Amino acid sequence: MSILAGSFYHTHSFHITETGELQQEFLALTELDPGHPIFLGHFPGNPVVPGVCQVQMVKELLEKGMNQPLKLTESDNIKFLSLINPNTTPRLEFRMTVKHVADRQISAAATIVSGDTVYLKFKGKFEFEK
């Protein structure tokens, strides 16, 4: 279920590449809405994309690629490497690799980047919602 798509951010393009029998790569180009109400409180005068929103965006974009709702079951590693200010960096690129590891489970690695700056590195597992 998309909570943030369409209001907090918009997806401009989404590409899927089959890289193996059980592996895919997703590339999503997105744009944040700097006027979204979340930035009034996070933080006034110095807006920053909350970490939980970054993880939610990864989940929503993975769901778009898998065409199925997902539930995050394990996060092996989440690193927030730089702050994202939606006024100065509204356009973000999501690079994701998905591997099918069980009947109803995938592992995913994702990065959020803009230009040469890496904002997030994520590794985790998701289950397909029933």
Protein backbone atom coordinates (compact mmCIF):
# COMPACT_ATOMS: atom_id res chain seq x y z
CA MET A 1 0.00 0.00 0.00
CA SER A 2 1.38 3.37 -0.99
CA ILE A 3 1.34 5.86 1.83
CA LEU A 4 3.73 8.45 0.41
CA ALA A 5 3.53 7.94 -3.37
CA GLY A 6 1.60 10.65 -5.16
CA SER A 7 1.84 13.22 -2.38
CA PHE A 8 5.23 13.10 -0.64
CA TYR A 9 6.98 12.01 -3.85
CA HIS A 10 6.22 11.26 -7.48
CA THR A 11 7.86 8.61 -9.64
CA HIS A 12 9.02 9.97 -13.01
CA SER A 13 10.37 6.70 -14.38
CA PHE A 14 10.71 3.11 -13.28
CA HIS A 15 12.80 0.46 -15.05
CA ILE A 16 13.08 -3.25 -14.35
CA THR A 17 16.00 -5.34 -15.56
CA GLU A 18 16.10 -9.12 -15.26
CA THR A 19 19.65 -9.94 -14.14
CA GLY A 20 19.23 -13.63 -13.43
CA GLU A 21 16.70 -16.35 -12.93
CA LEU A 22 15.78 -15.17 -9.45
CA GLN A 23 17.16 -11.62 -9.50
CA GLN A 24 15.97 -8.25 -10.77
CA GLU A 25 17.22 -4.69 -10.67
CA PHE A 26 14.90 -1.70 -10.33
CA LEU A 27 15.82 1.89 -11.14
CA ALA A 28 13.36 4.58 -10.07
CA LEU A 29 13.68 8.31 -10.63
CA THR A 30 11.59 10.27 -8.16
CA GLU A 31 10.87 13.83 -7.15
CA LEU A 32 10.02 15.00 -3.65
CA ASP A 33 7.33 17.59 -2.93
CA PRO A 34 9.15 20.23 -0.83
CA GLY A 35 5.75 21.70 0.13
CA HIS A 36 4.52 18.49 1.77
CA PRO A 37 3.21 19.10 5.33
CA ILE A 38 5.70 16.64 6.85
CA PHE A 39 8.46 19.21 6.34
CA LEU A 40 6.65 21.76 8.54
CA GLY A 41 7.68 19.68 11.54
CA HIS A 42 10.83 18.02 10.22
CA PHE A 43 12.34 20.62 10.53
CA PRO A 44 10.91 24.16 10.36
CA GLY A 45 13.16 26.32 8.20
CA ASN A 46 15.52 23.41 7.50
CA PRO A 47 13.50 20.56 5.92
CA VAL A 48 14.99 17.06 6.01
CA VAL A 49 13.48 13.83 4.68
CA PRO A 50 12.86 11.60 7.71
CA GLY A 51 14.67 8.26 7.70
CA VAL A 52 11.41 6.38 8.14
CA CYS A 53 10.11 8.04 4.96
CA GLN A 54 13.21 6.95 3.05
CA VAL A 55 12.65 3.33 4.12
CA GLN A 56 8.94 3.60 3.28
CA MET A 57 9.81 4.92 -0.19
CA VAL A 58 12.11 1.92 -0.74
CA LYS A 59 9.27 -0.41 0.32
CA GLU A 60 6.73 1.30 -1.94
CA LEU A 61 9.04 1.24 -4.95
CA LEU A 62 9.83 -2.44 -4.34
CA GLU A 63 6.08 -3.10 -4.23
CA LYS A 64 5.72 -1.27 -7.54
CA GLY A 65 8.41 -3.46 -9.11
CA MET A 66 7.06 -6.69 -7.62
CA ASN A 67 3.46 -5.65 -8.32
CA GLN A 68 2.51 -6.97 -4.90
CA PRO A 69 2.22 -5.63 -1.34
CA LEU A 70 5.22 -6.38 0.87
CA LYS A 71 5.95 -6.49 4.58
CA LEU A 72 9.44 -5.65 5.87
CA THR A 73 10.49 -8.57 8.06
CA GLU A 74 14.20 -7.98 8.57
CA SER A 75 16.54 -5.05 8.09
CA ASP A 76 20.10 -6.31 8.03
CA ASN A 77 21.65 -2.92 7.50
CA ILE A 78 20.32 0.63 7.14
CA LYS A 79 22.80 3.48 6.81
CA PHE A 80 21.73 7.10 6.49
CA LEU A 81 24.82 8.71 4.98
CA SER A 82 23.66 12.26 4.16
CA LEU A 83 20.69 14.49 4.92
CA ILE A 84 18.18 15.01 2.11
CA ASN A 85 16.89 18.58 1.88
CA PRO A 86 13.88 18.54 -0.49
CA ASN A 87 14.49 22.16 -1.50
CA THR A 88 18.04 21.60 -2.73
CA THR A 89 17.75 17.92 -3.73
CA PRO A 90 14.18 17.16 -4.83
CA ARG A 91 15.19 14.56 -7.45
CA LEU A 92 16.35 11.19 -6.16
CA GLU A 93 17.42 7.98 -7.83
CA PHE A 94 16.61 4.64 -6.22
CA ARG A 95 18.79 1.70 -7.27
CA MET A 96 17.49 -1.63 -6.01
CA THR A 97 18.46 -5.27 -6.43
CA VAL A 98 15.91 -7.94 -5.54
CA LYS A 99 16.58 -11.64 -5.05
CA HIS A 100 13.93 -14.30 -4.47
CA VAL A 101 15.14 -16.28 -1.44
CA ALA A 102 12.04 -18.34 -0.56
CA ASP A 103 8.55 -19.02 -1.83
CA ARG A 104 7.10 -15.77 -0.49
CA GLN A 105 10.26 -13.89 0.50
CA ILE A 106 12.72 -11.55 -1.20
CA SER A 107 15.93 -9.90 -0.11
CA ALA A 108 16.59 -6.38 -1.28
CA ALA A 109 19.51 -4.02 -1.43
CA ALA A 110 18.77 -0.37 -2.16
CA THR A 111 20.59 2.91 -2.40
CA ILE A 112 19.22 6.42 -2.70
CA VAL A 113 21.49 8.74 -4.67
CA SER A 114 21.54 12.12 -6.36
CA GLY A 115 24.56 12.94 -8.48
CA ASP A 116 27.63 11.73 -6.61
CA THR A 117 25.96 11.79 -3.19
CA VAL A 118 24.70 8.59 -1.57
CA TYR A 119 21.96 9.25 0.97
CA LEU A 120 20.85 5.77 2.03
CA LYS A 121 22.16 2.22 1.88
CA PHE A 122 19.61 -0.42 2.78
CA LYS A 123 19.60 -4.23 3.00
CA GLY A 124 16.61 -6.19 4.17
CA LYS A 125 14.08 -8.95 3.65
CA PHE A 126 10.44 -8.68 2.75
CA GLU A 127 7.56 -11.14 2.64
CA PHE A 128 4.72 -10.97 0.17
CA GLU A 129 1.52 -9.92 1.96
CA LYS A 130 -1.30 -12.43 1.73
